[in-house]
């Protein structure tokens, strides 16, 4: 099983290469050129792109603007600590990417991401305690996740 993404901006190859260069466990496996006049893609341009993002197999399709990517699909990028949150958030929101609430952002290719530190999962637990719920409430007020603020919420300070 793999995820299939329609790149209405015809940037599947560029996105795959960007992920391969910047996200550990990512690579471009195959780029299939378009036959003549398919889906608004010029002959010989990238049409189907097979790649891996952080170990997850993806097929990207360049087929014109009939469909576009949206937040209904996102990559959940689990990271370690504030330094990694900052690094990946800055990387993914650069050059036309967009920040969003609760650790979500969109990269310059239109793909949505959740940049989530392991500490959020640990501190929020199953939301069954008052401390867990305070962490969730704090997270709901954030764009980029702030690990120190999550810890403060957990501690009740």
Protein backbone atom coordinates (compact mmCIF):
# COMPACT_ATOMS: atom_id res chain seq x y z
CA UNK A 1 0.00 0.00 0.00
CA UNK A 2 1.15 3.52 -0.75
CA UNK A 3 -0.25 7.02 -0.72
CA UNK A 4 -1.17 8.61 -4.05
CA UNK A 5 -1.00 12.40 -4.32
CA UNK A 6 -2.25 14.45 -7.26
CA UNK A 7 -0.03 17.49 -7.70
CA UNK A 8 -2.29 19.96 -9.47
CA UNK A 9 0.69 22.32 -9.70
CA UNK A 10 2.71 19.65 -11.57
CA UNK A 11 5.50 19.77 -8.98
CA UNK A 12 5.62 16.12 -7.91
CA UNK A 13 9.23 15.65 -9.06
CA UNK A 14 10.41 18.84 -7.37
CA UNK A 15 8.60 17.91 -4.15
CA UNK A 16 10.04 14.38 -4.16
CA UNK A 17 13.57 15.71 -4.67
CA UNK A 18 13.11 18.30 -1.90
CA UNK A 19 11.95 15.60 0.54
CA UNK A 20 14.81 13.29 -0.48
CA UNK A 21 17.32 16.05 0.24
CA UNK A 22 15.79 17.22 3.52
CA UNK A 23 13.75 14.53 5.29
CA UNK A 24 15.65 11.49 6.64
CA UNK A 25 14.46 8.19 5.20
CA UNK A 26 13.31 9.83 1.96
CA UNK A 27 14.30 9.12 -1.63
CA UNK A 28 13.17 9.43 -5.23
CA UNK A 29 12.72 5.97 -6.73
CA UNK A 30 11.40 6.55 -10.24
CA UNK A 31 10.22 9.33 -12.50
CA UNK A 32 8.06 8.32 -15.47
CA UNK A 33 7.90 10.88 -18.28
CA UNK A 34 4.53 11.88 -19.70
CA UNK A 35 3.39 10.55 -23.03
CA UNK A 36 2.22 13.32 -25.36
CA UNK A 37 -0.59 15.57 -24.15
CA UNK A 38 -1.69 13.69 -21.02
CA UNK A 39 -3.39 15.72 -18.31
CA UNK A 40 -1.92 19.02 -19.35
CA UNK A 41 1.65 17.76 -18.90
CA UNK A 42 3.97 18.21 -21.85
CA UNK A 43 5.51 15.13 -23.41
CA UNK A 44 8.67 14.09 -21.62
CA UNK A 45 7.95 16.12 -18.47
CA UNK A 46 7.59 14.20 -15.17
CA UNK A 47 4.20 12.50 -15.04
CA UNK A 48 4.34 9.77 -12.37
CA UNK A 49 6.88 10.11 -9.57
CA UNK A 50 7.49 7.26 -7.14
CA UNK A 51 9.20 8.34 -3.94
CA UNK A 52 9.54 7.67 -0.23
CA UNK A 53 8.99 10.24 2.55
CA UNK A 54 10.41 9.23 5.94
CA UNK A 55 9.99 5.56 5.02
CA UNK A 56 6.45 5.98 3.61
CA UNK A 57 5.91 5.09 -0.07
CA UNK A 58 4.20 7.72 -2.19
CA UNK A 59 3.19 8.06 -5.83
CA UNK A 60 2.98 11.62 -7.06
CA UNK A 61 0.98 12.38 -10.18
CA UNK A 62 1.38 15.48 -12.30
CA UNK A 63 -1.89 15.73 -14.18
CA UNK A 64 -2.95 19.35 -14.20
CA UNK A 65 -5.16 21.48 -11.96
CA UNK A 66 -8.36 19.39 -11.90
CA UNK A 67 -7.56 18.39 -8.30
CA UNK A 68 -5.41 20.08 -5.68
CA UNK A 69 -3.81 19.00 -2.43
CA UNK A 70 -5.43 20.10 0.82
CA UNK A 71 -5.31 19.53 4.57
CA UNK A 72 -7.43 16.38 4.33
CA UNK A 73 -4.09 14.60 3.87
CA UNK A 74 -0.94 15.40 5.82
CA UNK A 75 2.39 13.83 6.64
CA UNK A 76 2.79 13.41 10.40
CA UNK A 77 6.46 14.14 11.05
CA UNK A 78 7.38 12.98 14.55
CA UNK A 79 10.50 14.79 15.75
CA UNK A 80 12.68 14.97 18.86
CA UNK A 81 12.65 18.24 20.79
CA UNK A 82 12.37 21.92 20.03
CA UNK A 83 15.46 22.10 17.82
CA UNK A 84 13.97 19.58 15.39
CA UNK A 85 10.55 21.25 15.56
CA UNK A 86 12.20 24.56 14.64
CA UNK A 87 14.32 23.02 11.89
CA UNK A 88 11.52 21.19 10.08
CA UNK A 89 8.94 23.93 10.63
CA UNK A 90 11.30 26.51 9.14
CA UNK A 91 12.23 24.18 6.28
CA UNK A 92 8.64 23.33 5.37
CA UNK A 93 7.22 26.86 5.69
CA UNK A 94 10.06 28.51 3.70
CA UNK A 95 9.75 29.80 0.14
CA UNK A 96 5.97 30.01 0.03
CA UNK A 97 5.05 27.39 2.61
CA UNK A 98 2.39 28.38 5.14
CA UNK A 99 2.14 27.98 8.90
CA UNK A 100 -1.13 26.69 10.32
CA UNK A 101 -2.56 25.94 13.79
CA UNK A 102 -1.68 23.05 16.11
CA UNK A 103 1.65 22.05 14.55
CA UNK A 104 0.29 21.91 11.00
CA UNK A 105 1.89 23.66 8.06
CA UNK A 106 1.89 23.48 4.31
CA UNK A 107 5.07 23.29 2.25
CA UNK A 108 5.80 25.23 -0.93
CA UNK A 109 4.39 22.36 -3.01
CA UNK A 110 1.01 22.44 -1.27
CA UNK A 111 1.53 19.30 0.84
CA UNK A 112 0.30 19.54 4.44
CA UNK A 113 2.48 18.42 7.34
CA UNK A 114 2.14 18.04 11.07
CA UNK A 115 5.47 18.73 12.79
CA UNK A 116 4.97 17.04 16.14
CA UNK A 117 7.55 16.59 18.89
CA UNK A 118 7.49 13.27 20.73
CA UNK A 119 7.01 15.30 23.91
CA UNK A 120 3.50 16.28 22.76
CA UNK A 121 2.50 12.63 22.49
CA UNK A 122 4.11 11.82 25.83
CA UNK A 123 2.61 14.77 27.72
CA UNK A 124 -0.87 14.51 26.22
CA UNK A 125 -1.12 10.78 26.91
CA UNK A 126 -4.70 9.62 26.45
CA UNK A 127 -6.17 12.99 27.56
CA UNK A 128 -7.52 11.31 30.70
CA UNK A 129 -5.83 13.49 33.32
CA UNK A 130 -6.09 17.21 34.02
CA UNK A 131 -2.41 17.59 33.08
CA UNK A 132 -2.99 15.81 29.74
CA UNK A 133 -5.94 18.07 28.99
CA UNK A 134 -3.93 21.20 29.84
CA UNK A 135 -1.32 20.09 27.30
CA UNK A 136 -4.00 19.63 24.64
CA UNK A 137 -5.47 23.06 25.41
CA UNK A 138 -2.02 24.65 25.17
CA UNK A 139 -1.34 22.90 21.85
CA UNK A 140 -4.64 24.15 20.44
CA UNK A 141 -3.40 27.73 20.94
CA UNK A 142 -0.13 27.17 19.06
CA UNK A 143 1.01 27.32 15.47
CA UNK A 144 4.50 25.84 15.65
CA UNK A 145 4.65 23.60 18.71
CA UNK A 146 6.51 25.04 21.71
CA UNK A 147 7.85 22.14 23.79
CA UNK A 148 8.65 24.29 26.85
CA UNK A 149 5.10 25.68 26.87
CA UNK A 150 3.70 22.15 26.66
CA UNK A 151 5.81 21.11 29.64
CA UNK A 152 4.69 24.20 31.58
CA UNK A 153 1.06 23.36 30.82
CA UNK A 154 1.60 19.80 32.00
CA UNK A 155 3.22 21.02 35.21
CA UNK A 156 0.38 23.49 35.75
CA UNK A 157 2.63 26.54 35.63
